[in-house]
PDB file of N, CA and C in Angstrom:
ATOM      1  N   MET A   1     104.025  97.677 117.898  1.00  0.00           N
ATOM      2  CA  MET A   1     103.982  96.540 117.015  1.00  0.00           C
ATOM      3  C   MET A   1     105.410  96.222 116.593  1.00  0.00           C
ATOM      4  N   LYS A   2     105.824  94.986 116.815  1.00  0.00           N
ATOM      5  CA  LYS A   2     107.140  94.534 116.387  1.00  0.00           C
ATOM      6  C   LYS A   2     106.947  93.446 115.355  1.00  0.00           C
ATOM      7  N   LEU A   3     107.513  93.652 114.223  1.00  0.00           N
ATOM      8  CA  LEU A   3     107.432  92.655 113.165  1.00  0.00           C
ATOM      9  C   LEU A   3     108.842  92.406 112.677  1.00  0.00           C
ATOM     10  N   ILE A   4     109.231  91.166 112.746  1.00  0.00           N
ATOM     11  CA  ILE A   4     110.562  90.824 112.262  1.00  0.00           C
ATOM     12  C   ILE A   4     110.427  90.412 110.809  1.00  0.00           C
ATOM     13  N   LEU A   5     111.174  91.081 110.005  1.00  0.00           N
ATOM     14  CA  LEU A   5     111.169  90.784 108.602  1.00  0.00           C
ATOM     15  C   LEU A   5     112.592  90.436 108.275  1.00  0.00           C
ATOM     16  N   LEU A   6     112.839  89.514 107.846  1.00  0.00           N
ATOM     17  CA  LEU A   6     112.220  88.803 106.771  1.00  0.00           C
ATOM     18  C   LEU A   6     113.161  87.673 106.552  1.00  0.00           C
ATOM     19  N   GLN A   7     112.663  86.616 106.258  1.00  0.00           N
ATOM     20  CA  GLN A   7     113.492  85.465 105.979  1.00  0.00           C
ATOM     21  C   GLN A   7     113.046  84.960 104.621  1.00  0.00           C
ATOM     22  N   LYS A   8     113.968  84.675 103.788  1.00  0.00           N
ATOM     23  CA  LYS A   8     113.626  84.102 102.489  1.00  0.00           C
ATOM     24  C   LYS A   8     114.032  82.643 102.521  1.00  0.00           C
ATOM     25  N   ILE A   9     113.054  81.786 102.375  1.00  0.00           N
ATOM     26  CA  ILE A   9     113.307  80.353 102.392  1.00  0.00           C
ATOM     27  C   ILE A   9     113.805  79.940 101.006  1.00  0.00           C
ATOM     28  N   LYS A  10     115.018  79.431 100.952  1.00  0.00           N
ATOM     29  CA  LYS A  10     115.609  79.083  99.657  1.00  0.00           C
ATOM     30  C   LYS A  10     114.810  78.008  98.929  1.00  0.00           C
ATOM     31  N   LYS A  11     114.378  77.011  99.668  1.00  0.00           N
ATOM     32  CA  LYS A  11     113.697  75.881  99.039  1.00  0.00           C
ATOM     33  C   LYS A  11     112.396  76.303  98.350  1.00  0.00           C
ATOM     34  N   THR A  12     111.586  77.096  99.037  1.00  0.00           N
ATOM     35  CA  THR A  12     110.283  77.494  98.486  1.00  0.00           C
ATOM     36  C   THR A  12     110.282  78.915  97.954  1.00  0.00           C
ATOM     37  N   LYS A  13     111.347  79.677  98.218  1.00  0.00           N
ATOM     38  CA  LYS A  13     111.456  81.084  97.832  1.00  0.00           C
ATOM     39  C   LYS A  13     110.357  81.939  98.453  1.00  0.00           C
ATOM     40  N   GLU A  14     109.870  81.519  99.611  1.00  0.00           N
ATOM     41  CA  GLU A  14     108.866  82.291 100.338  1.00  0.00           C
ATOM     42  C   GLU A  14     109.522  83.413 101.115  1.00  0.00           C
ATOM     43  N   LEU A  15     108.814  84.526 101.211  1.00  0.00           N
ATOM     44  CA  LEU A  15     109.189  85.573 102.142  1.00  0.00           C
ATOM     45  C   LEU A  15     108.422  85.282 103.425  1.00  0.00           C
ATOM     46  N   VAL A  16     109.110  85.327 104.550  1.00  0.00           N
ATOM     47  CA  VAL A  16     108.483  84.983 105.822  1.00  0.00           C
ATOM     48  C   VAL A  16     108.542  86.193 106.748  1.00  0.00           C
ATOM     49  N   PHE A  17     107.365  86.641 107.172  1.00  0.00           N
ATOM     50  CA  PHE A  17     107.259  87.696 108.173  1.00  0.00           C
ATOM     51  C   PHE A  17     107.004  87.014 109.511  1.00  0.00           C
ATOM     52  N   VAL A  18     107.679  87.475 110.555  1.00  0.00           N
ATOM     53  CA  VAL A  18     107.559  86.812 111.850  1.00  0.00           C
ATOM     54  C   VAL A  18     107.242  87.846 112.928  1.00  0.00           C
ATOM     55  N   GLU A  19     106.182  87.603 113.679  1.00  0.00           N
ATOM     56  CA  GLU A  19     105.844  88.386 114.860  1.00  0.00           C
ATOM     57  C   GLU A  19     106.324  87.598 116.072  1.00  0.00           C
ATOM     58  N   VAL A  20     107.069  88.265 116.946  1.00  0.00           N
ATOM     59  CA  VAL A  20     107.573  87.619 118.158  1.00  0.00           C
ATOM     60  C   VAL A  20     106.964  88.331 119.352  1.00  0.00           C
ATOM     61  N   LYS A  21     106.325  87.565 120.224  1.00  0.00           N
ATOM     62  CA  LYS A  21     105.714  88.144 121.428  1.00  0.00           C
ATOM     63  C   LYS A  21     106.263  87.412 122.638  1.00  0.00           C
ATOM     64  N   THR A  22     106.819  88.186 123.573  1.00  0.00           N
ATOM     65  CA  THR A  22     107.374  87.633 124.803  1.00  0.00           C
ATOM     66  C   THR A  22     106.533  88.099 125.977  1.00  0.00           C
ATOM     67  N   ARG A  23     106.244  87.188 126.881  1.00  0.00           N
ATOM     68  CA  ARG A  23     105.480  87.511 128.087  1.00  0.00           C
ATOM     69  C   ARG A  23     106.181  86.943 129.314  1.00  0.00           C
ATOM     70  N   GLN A  24     106.237  87.762 130.346  1.00  0.00           N
ATOM     71  CA  GLN A  24     106.695  87.309 131.662  1.00  0.00           C
ATOM     72  C   GLN A  24     105.508  86.624 132.315  1.00  0.00           C
ATOM     73  N   LEU A  25     105.677  85.400 132.726  1.00  0.00           N
ATOM     74  CA  LEU A  25     104.580  84.645 133.318  1.00  0.00           C
ATOM     75  C   LEU A  25     104.257  85.210 134.694  1.00  0.00           C
ATOM     76  N   ASN A  26     103.004  85.600 134.853  1.00  0.00           N
ATOM     77  CA  ASN A  26     102.507  86.135 136.116  1.00  0.00           C
ATOM     78  C   ASN A  26     101.299  85.286 136.480  1.00  0.00           C
ATOM     79  N   TYR A  27     101.394  84.538 137.532  1.00  0.00           N
ATOM     80  CA  TYR A  27     100.341  83.575 137.855  1.00  0.00           C
ATOM     81  C   TYR A  27      99.036  84.234 138.279  1.00  0.00           C
ATOM     82  N   ALA A  28      99.067  85.495 138.703  1.00  0.00           N
ATOM     83  CA  ALA A  28      97.844  86.174 139.134  1.00  0.00           C
ATOM     84  C   ALA A  28      96.946  86.469 137.937  1.00  0.00           C
ATOM     85  N   CYS A  29      97.466  87.172 136.982  1.00  0.00           N
ATOM     86  CA  CYS A  29      96.668  87.481 135.776  1.00  0.00           C
ATOM     87  C   CYS A  29      97.614  87.891 134.659  1.00  0.00           C
ATOM     88  N   SER A  30      97.748  87.046 133.710  1.00  0.00           N
ATOM     89  CA  SER A  30      98.633  87.334 132.600  1.00  0.00           C
ATOM     90  C   SER A  30      98.115  86.630 131.352  1.00  0.00           C
ATOM     91  N   LEU A  31      98.083  87.368 130.267  1.00  0.00           N
ATOM     92  CA  LEU A  31      97.704  86.768 128.998  1.00  0.00           C
ATOM     93  C   LEU A  31      98.898  86.022 128.420  1.00  0.00           C
ATOM     94  N   SER A  32      98.612  84.939 127.764  1.00  0.00           N
ATOM     95  CA  SER A  32      99.682  84.245 127.047  1.00  0.00           C
ATOM     96  C   SER A  32     100.039  85.077 125.819  1.00  0.00           C
ATOM     97  N   PRO A  33     101.209  84.856 125.250  1.00  0.00           N
ATOM     98  CA  PRO A  33     101.559  85.585 124.025  1.00  0.00           C
ATOM     99  C   PRO A  33     100.532  85.366 122.912  1.00  0.00           C
ATOM    100  N   GLU A  34     100.002  84.165 122.828  1.00  0.00           N
ATOM    101  CA  GLU A  34      99.003  83.864 121.794  1.00  0.00           C
ATOM    102  C   GLU A  34      97.726  84.684 121.988  1.00  0.00           C
ATOM    103  N   GLU A  35      97.344  84.909 123.244  1.00  0.00           N
ATOM    104  CA  GLU A  35      96.115  85.657 123.515  1.00  0.00           C
ATOM    105  C   GLU A  35      96.243  87.139 123.154  1.00  0.00           C
ATOM    106  N   THR A  36      97.460  87.635 123.041  1.00  0.00           N
ATOM    107  CA  THR A  36      97.655  89.029 122.659  1.00  0.00           C
ATOM    108  C   THR A  36      97.549  89.241 121.153  1.00  0.00           C
ATOM    109  N   LEU A  37      97.567  88.176 120.403  1.00  0.00           N
ATOM    110  CA  LEU A  37      97.493  88.268 118.945  1.00  0.00           C
ATOM    111  C   LEU A  37      96.030  88.202 118.521  1.00  0.00           C
ATOM    112  N   THR A  38      95.385  89.337 118.535  1.00  0.00           N
ATOM    113  CA  THR A  38      93.965  89.421 118.208  1.00  0.00           C
ATOM    114  C   THR A  38      93.763  89.535 116.699  1.00  0.00           C
ATOM    115  N   SER A  39      92.534  89.346 116.266  1.00  0.00           N
ATOM    116  CA  SER A  39      92.215  89.506 114.842  1.00  0.00           C
ATOM    117  C   SER A  39      92.544  90.916 114.364  1.00  0.00           C
ATOM    118  N   LYS A  40      92.265  91.904 115.219  1.00  0.00           N
ATOM    119  CA  LYS A  40      92.565  93.294 114.872  1.00  0.00           C
ATOM    120  C   LYS A  40      94.064  93.490 114.651  1.00  0.00           C
ATOM    121  N   LYS A  41      94.876  92.935 115.530  1.00  0.00           N
ATOM    122  CA  LYS A  41      96.327  93.057 115.394  1.00  0.00           C
ATOM    123  C   LYS A  41      96.819  92.342 114.142  1.00  0.00           C
ATOM    124  N   VAL A  42      96.261  91.183 113.866  1.00  0.00           N
ATOM    125  CA  VAL A  42      96.656  90.441 112.666  1.00  0.00           C
ATOM    126  C   VAL A  42      96.331  91.253 111.411  1.00  0.00           C
ATOM    127  N   ARG A  43      95.185  91.913 111.386  1.00  0.00           N
ATOM    128  CA  ARG A  43      94.826  92.758 110.228  1.00  0.00           C
ATOM    129  C   ARG A  43      95.842  93.898 110.060  1.00  0.00           C
ATOM    130  N   ARG A  44      96.244  94.525 111.182  1.00  0.00           N
ATOM    131  CA  ARG A  44      97.234  95.610 111.105  1.00  0.00           C
ATOM    132  C   ARG A  44      98.584  95.094 110.600  1.00  0.00           C
ATOM    133  N   LEU A  45      98.997  93.940 111.102  1.00  0.00           N
ATOM    134  CA  LEU A  45     100.259  93.354 110.644  1.00  0.00           C
ATOM    135  C   LEU A  45     100.197  93.019 109.160  1.00  0.00           C
ATOM    136  N   LYS A  46      99.078  92.473 108.745  1.00  0.00           N
ATOM    137  CA  LYS A  46      98.919  92.116 107.335  1.00  0.00           C
ATOM    138  C   LYS A  46      99.012  93.364 106.452  1.00  0.00           C
ATOM    139  N   ARG A  47      98.370  94.448 106.874  1.00  0.00           N
ATOM    140  CA  ARG A  47      98.469  95.702 106.116  1.00  0.00           C
ATOM    141  C   ARG A  47      99.919  96.166 106.033  1.00  0.00           C
ATOM    142  N   ALA A  48     100.640  96.036 107.138  1.00  0.00           N
ATOM    143  CA  ALA A  48     102.037  96.481 107.169  1.00  0.00           C
ATOM    144  C   ALA A  48     102.893  95.704 106.194  1.00  0.00           C
ATOM    145  N   PHE A  49     102.781  94.397 106.194  1.00  0.00           N
ATOM    146  CA  PHE A  49     103.671  93.690 105.282  1.00  0.00           C
ATOM    147  C   PHE A  49     103.170  93.651 103.852  1.00  0.00           C
ATOM    148  N   LEU A  50     101.867  93.845 103.621  1.00  0.00           N
ATOM    149  CA  LEU A  50     101.406  94.022 102.238  1.00  0.00           C
ATOM    150  C   LEU A  50     101.940  95.341 101.681  1.00  0.00           C
ATOM    151  N   SER A  51     102.018  96.349 102.541  1.00  0.00           N
ATOM    152  CA  SER A  51     102.604  97.624 102.146  1.00  0.00           C
ATOM    153  C   SER A  51     104.088  97.445 101.803  1.00  0.00           C
ATOM    154  N   TYR A  52     104.780  96.650 102.622  1.00  0.00           N
ATOM    155  CA  TYR A  52     106.192  96.357 102.355  1.00  0.00           C
ATOM    156  C   TYR A  52     106.345  95.658 100.999  1.00  0.00           C
ATOM    157  N   LEU A  53     105.515  94.661 100.761  1.00  0.00           N
ATOM    158  CA  LEU A  53     105.586  93.932  99.490  1.00  0.00           C
ATOM    159  C   LEU A  53     105.353  94.877  98.316  1.00  0.00           C
ATOM    160  N   ASN A  54     104.386  95.776  98.463  1.00  0.00           N
ATOM    161  CA  ASN A  54     104.081  96.742  97.416  1.00  0.00           C
ATOM    162  C   ASN A  54     105.248  97.703  97.206  1.00  0.00           C
ATOM    163  N   GLN A  55     105.822  98.188  98.285  1.00  0.00           N
ATOM    164  CA  GLN A  55     106.921  99.153  98.221  1.00  0.00           C
ATOM    165  C   GLN A  55     108.124  98.592  97.469  1.00  0.00           C
ATOM    166  N   TYR A  56     108.377  97.294  97.627  1.00  0.00           N
ATOM    167  CA  TYR A  56     109.546  96.683  96.996  1.00  0.00           C
ATOM    168  C   TYR A  56     109.177  95.800  95.793  1.00  0.00           C
ATOM    169  N   ASN A  57     107.977  96.009  95.262  1.00  0.00           N
ATOM    170  CA  ASN A  57     107.521  95.276  94.072  1.00  0.00           C
ATOM    171  C   ASN A  57     107.640  93.764  94.228  1.00  0.00           C
ATOM    172  N   LEU A  58     107.170  93.266  95.377  1.00  0.00           N
ATOM    173  CA  LEU A  58     107.247  91.834  95.672  1.00  0.00           C
ATOM    174  C   LEU A  58     105.863  91.197  95.770  1.00  0.00           C
ATOM    175  N   GLU A  59     104.839  91.873  95.271  1.00  0.00           N
ATOM    176  CA  GLU A  59     103.466  91.379  95.438  1.00  0.00           C
ATOM    177  C   GLU A  59     103.241  89.996  94.852  1.00  0.00           C
ATOM    178  N   ASP A  60     103.999  89.660  93.819  1.00  0.00           N
ATOM    179  CA  ASP A  60     103.802  88.374  93.163  1.00  0.00           C
ATOM    180  C   ASP A  60     104.612  87.240  93.793  1.00  0.00           C
ATOM    181  N   LYS A  61     105.396  87.548  94.822  1.00  0.00           N
ATOM    182  CA  LYS A  61     106.205  86.526  95.490  1.00  0.00           C
ATOM    183  C   LYS A  61     105.383  85.803  96.554  1.00  0.00           C
ATOM    184  N   PRO A  62     105.635  84.511  96.752  1.00  0.00           N
ATOM    185  CA  PRO A  62     104.927  83.796  97.830  1.00  0.00           C
ATOM    186  C   PRO A  62     105.412  84.285  99.194  1.00  0.00           C
ATOM    187  N   TRP A  63     104.485  84.364 100.142  1.00  0.00           N
ATOM    188  CA  TRP A  63     104.834  84.817 101.484  1.00  0.00           C
ATOM    189  C   TRP A  63     103.975  84.095 102.506  1.00  0.00           C
ATOM    190  N   ARG A  64     104.414  84.202 103.761  1.00  0.00           N
ATOM    191  CA  ARG A  64     103.613  83.673 104.858  1.00  0.00           C
ATOM    192  C   ARG A  64     103.922  84.479 106.115  1.00  0.00           C
ATOM    193  N   PHE A  65     103.082  84.295 107.112  1.00  0.00           N
ATOM    194  CA  PHE A  65     103.213  85.025 108.363  1.00  0.00           C
ATOM    195  C   PHE A  65     103.299  84.021 109.501  1.00  0.00           C
ATOM    196  N   ASP A  66     104.428  84.027 110.216  1.00  0.00           N
ATOM    197  CA  ASP A  66     104.655  83.104 111.331  1.00  0.00           C
ATOM    198  C   ASP A  66     104.614  83.878 112.649  1.00  0.00           C
ATOM    199  N   PHE A  67     104.431  83.140 113.725  1.00  0.00           N
ATOM    200  CA  PHE A  67     104.331  83.744 115.053  1.00  0.00           C
ATOM    201  C   PHE A  67     105.175  82.929 116.030  1.00  0.00           C
ATOM    202  N   ILE A  68     105.968  83.625 116.839  1.00  0.00           N
ATOM    203  CA  ILE A  68     106.753  82.975 117.885  1.00  0.00           C
ATOM    204  C   ILE A  68     106.296  83.508 119.228  1.00  0.00           C
ATOM    205  N   ALA A  69     105.868  82.606 120.100  1.00  0.00           N
ATOM    206  CA  ALA A  69     105.415  82.956 121.444  1.00  0.00           C
ATOM    207  C   ALA A  69     106.486  82.521 122.439  1.00  0.00           C
ATOM    208  N   ILE A  70     106.887  83.443 123.307  1.00  0.00           N
ATOM    209  CA  ILE A  70     107.903  83.137 124.314  1.00  0.00           C
ATOM    210  C   ILE A  70     107.332  83.479 125.683  1.00  0.00           C
ATOM    211  N   GLU A  71     107.339  82.501 126.578  1.00  0.00           N
ATOM    212  CA  GLU A  71     106.916  82.724 127.957  1.00  0.00           C
ATOM    213  C   GLU A  71     108.102  82.548 128.884  1.00  0.00           C
ATOM    214  N   ILE A  72     108.311  83.548 129.721  1.00  0.00           N
ATOM    215  CA  ILE A  72     109.410  83.500 130.678  1.00  0.00           C
ATOM    216  C   ILE A  72     108.829  83.290 132.064  1.00  0.00           C
ATOM    217  N   ASP A  73     109.279  82.240 132.699  1.00  0.00           N
ATOM    218  CA  ASP A  73     108.845  81.903 134.057  1.00  0.00           C
ATOM    219  C   ASP A  73     110.076  81.942 134.953  1.00  0.00           C
ATOM    220  N   ASN A  74     110.058  82.823 135.945  1.00  0.00           N
ATOM    221  CA  ASN A  74     111.222  82.963 136.821  1.00  0.00           C
ATOM    222  C   ASN A  74     111.530  81.700 137.614  1.00  0.00           C
ATOM    223  N   PHE A  75     110.558  80.802 137.731  1.00  0.00           N
ATOM    224  CA  PHE A  75     110.766  79.574 138.494  1.00  0.00           C
ATOM    225  C   PHE A  75     111.336  78.442 137.642  1.00  0.00           C
ATOM    226  N   LYS A  76     111.436  78.674 136.352  1.00  0.00           N
ATOM    227  CA  LYS A  76     111.980  77.655 135.459  1.00  0.00           C
ATOM    228  C   LYS A  76     113.291  78.154 134.864  1.00  0.00           C
ATOM    229  N   GLU A  77     114.121  77.218 134.516  1.00  0.00           N
ATOM    230  CA  GLU A  77     115.442  77.564 134.011  1.00  0.00           C
ATOM    231  C   GLU A  77     115.398  78.137 132.595  1.00  0.00           C
ATOM    232  N   LYS A  78     114.512  77.581 131.760  1.00  0.00           N
ATOM    233  CA  LYS A  78     114.465  77.992 130.358  1.00  0.00           C
ATOM    234  C   LYS A  78     113.091  78.552 130.014  1.00  0.00           C
ATOM    235  N   PRO A  79     113.055  79.502 129.082  1.00  0.00           N
ATOM    236  CA  PRO A  79     111.754  79.994 128.630  1.00  0.00           C
ATOM    237  C   PRO A  79     111.044  78.933 127.775  1.00  0.00           C
ATOM    238  N   VAL A  80     109.748  79.040 127.688  1.00  0.00           N
ATOM    239  CA  VAL A  80     108.960  78.165 126.822  1.00  0.00           C
ATOM    240  C   VAL A  80     108.764  78.908 125.498  1.00  0.00           C
ATOM    241  N   ILE A  81     109.148  78.267 124.412  1.00  0.00           N
ATOM    242  CA  ILE A  81     109.060  78.878 123.092  1.00  0.00           C
ATOM    243  C   ILE A  81     108.167  78.016 122.213  1.00  0.00           C
ATOM    244  N   ARG A  82     107.156  78.675 121.622  1.00  0.00           N
ATOM    245  CA  ARG A  82     106.242  77.987 120.700  1.00  0.00           C
ATOM    246  C   ARG A  82     106.287  78.706 119.349  1.00  0.00           C
ATOM    247  N   TYR A  83     106.375  77.918 118.283  1.00  0.00           N
ATOM    248  CA  TYR A  83     106.481  78.460 116.928  1.00  0.00           C
ATOM    249  C   TYR A  83     105.250  78.046 116.125  1.00  0.00           C
ATOM    250  N   TYR A  84     104.601  79.025 115.517  1.00  0.00           N
ATOM    251  CA  TYR A  84     103.412  78.766 114.701  1.00  0.00           C
ATOM    252  C   TYR A  84     103.702  79.213 113.274  1.00  0.00           C
ATOM    253  N   LYS A  85     103.563  78.299 112.362  1.00  0.00           N
ATOM    254  CA  LYS A  85     103.853  78.580 110.962  1.00  0.00           C
ATOM    255  C   LYS A  85     102.564  78.934 110.219  1.00  0.00           C
ATOM    256  N   ASP A  86     102.640  79.962 109.404  1.00  0.00           N
ATOM    257  CA  ASP A  86     101.542  80.373 108.514  1.00  0.00           C
ATOM    258  C   ASP A  86     100.235  80.589 109.278  1.00  0.00           C
ATOM    259  N   ILE A  87     100.260  81.523 110.209  1.00  0.00           N
ATOM    260  CA  ILE A  87      99.108  81.689 111.101  1.00  0.00           C
ATOM    261  C   ILE A  87      97.882  82.275 110.419  1.00  0.00           C
ATOM    262  N   PHE A  88      98.007  82.837 109.214  1.00  0.00           N
ATOM    263  CA  PHE A  88      96.812  83.358 108.558  1.00  0.00           C
ATOM    264  C   PHE A  88      95.795  82.261 108.279  1.00  0.00           C
ATOM    265  N   LEU A  89      96.241  81.049 108.252  1.00  0.00           N
ATOM    266  CA  LEU A  89      95.306  79.940 108.083  1.00  0.00           C
ATOM    267  C   LEU A  89      94.376  79.812 109.295  1.00  0.00           C
ATOM    268  N   GLN A  90      94.775  80.383 110.449  1.00  0.00           N
ATOM    269  CA  GLN A  90      93.996  80.275 111.671  1.00  0.00           C
ATOM    270  C   GLN A  90      93.099  81.485 111.899  1.00  0.00           C
ATOM    271  N   PHE A  91      93.239  82.556 111.102  1.00  0.00           N
ATOM    272  CA  PHE A  91      92.427  83.762 111.283  1.00  0.00           C
ATOM    273  C   PHE A  91      91.469  83.964 110.146  1.00  0.00           C
TER     274      PHE A  91
END
């Protein structure tokens, strides 16, 4: 589990936790980065950063959880990057 912590947005004073998933595109059988983010994994990530908030007495601060999906295709010059903001709204 890789969780990138932490960005504090000055405007809203939110703490932002970001999960980044990179996948090499394999046309035979490959899950997209989004498909690897299961409900079970989201629950584990949520426990991890709630623990972080508790450890540093930040429970009362606003926070959100973002997700960055990166797909690398050897036939294309640039990777495809998709950014999802506040993904807990989707789970």
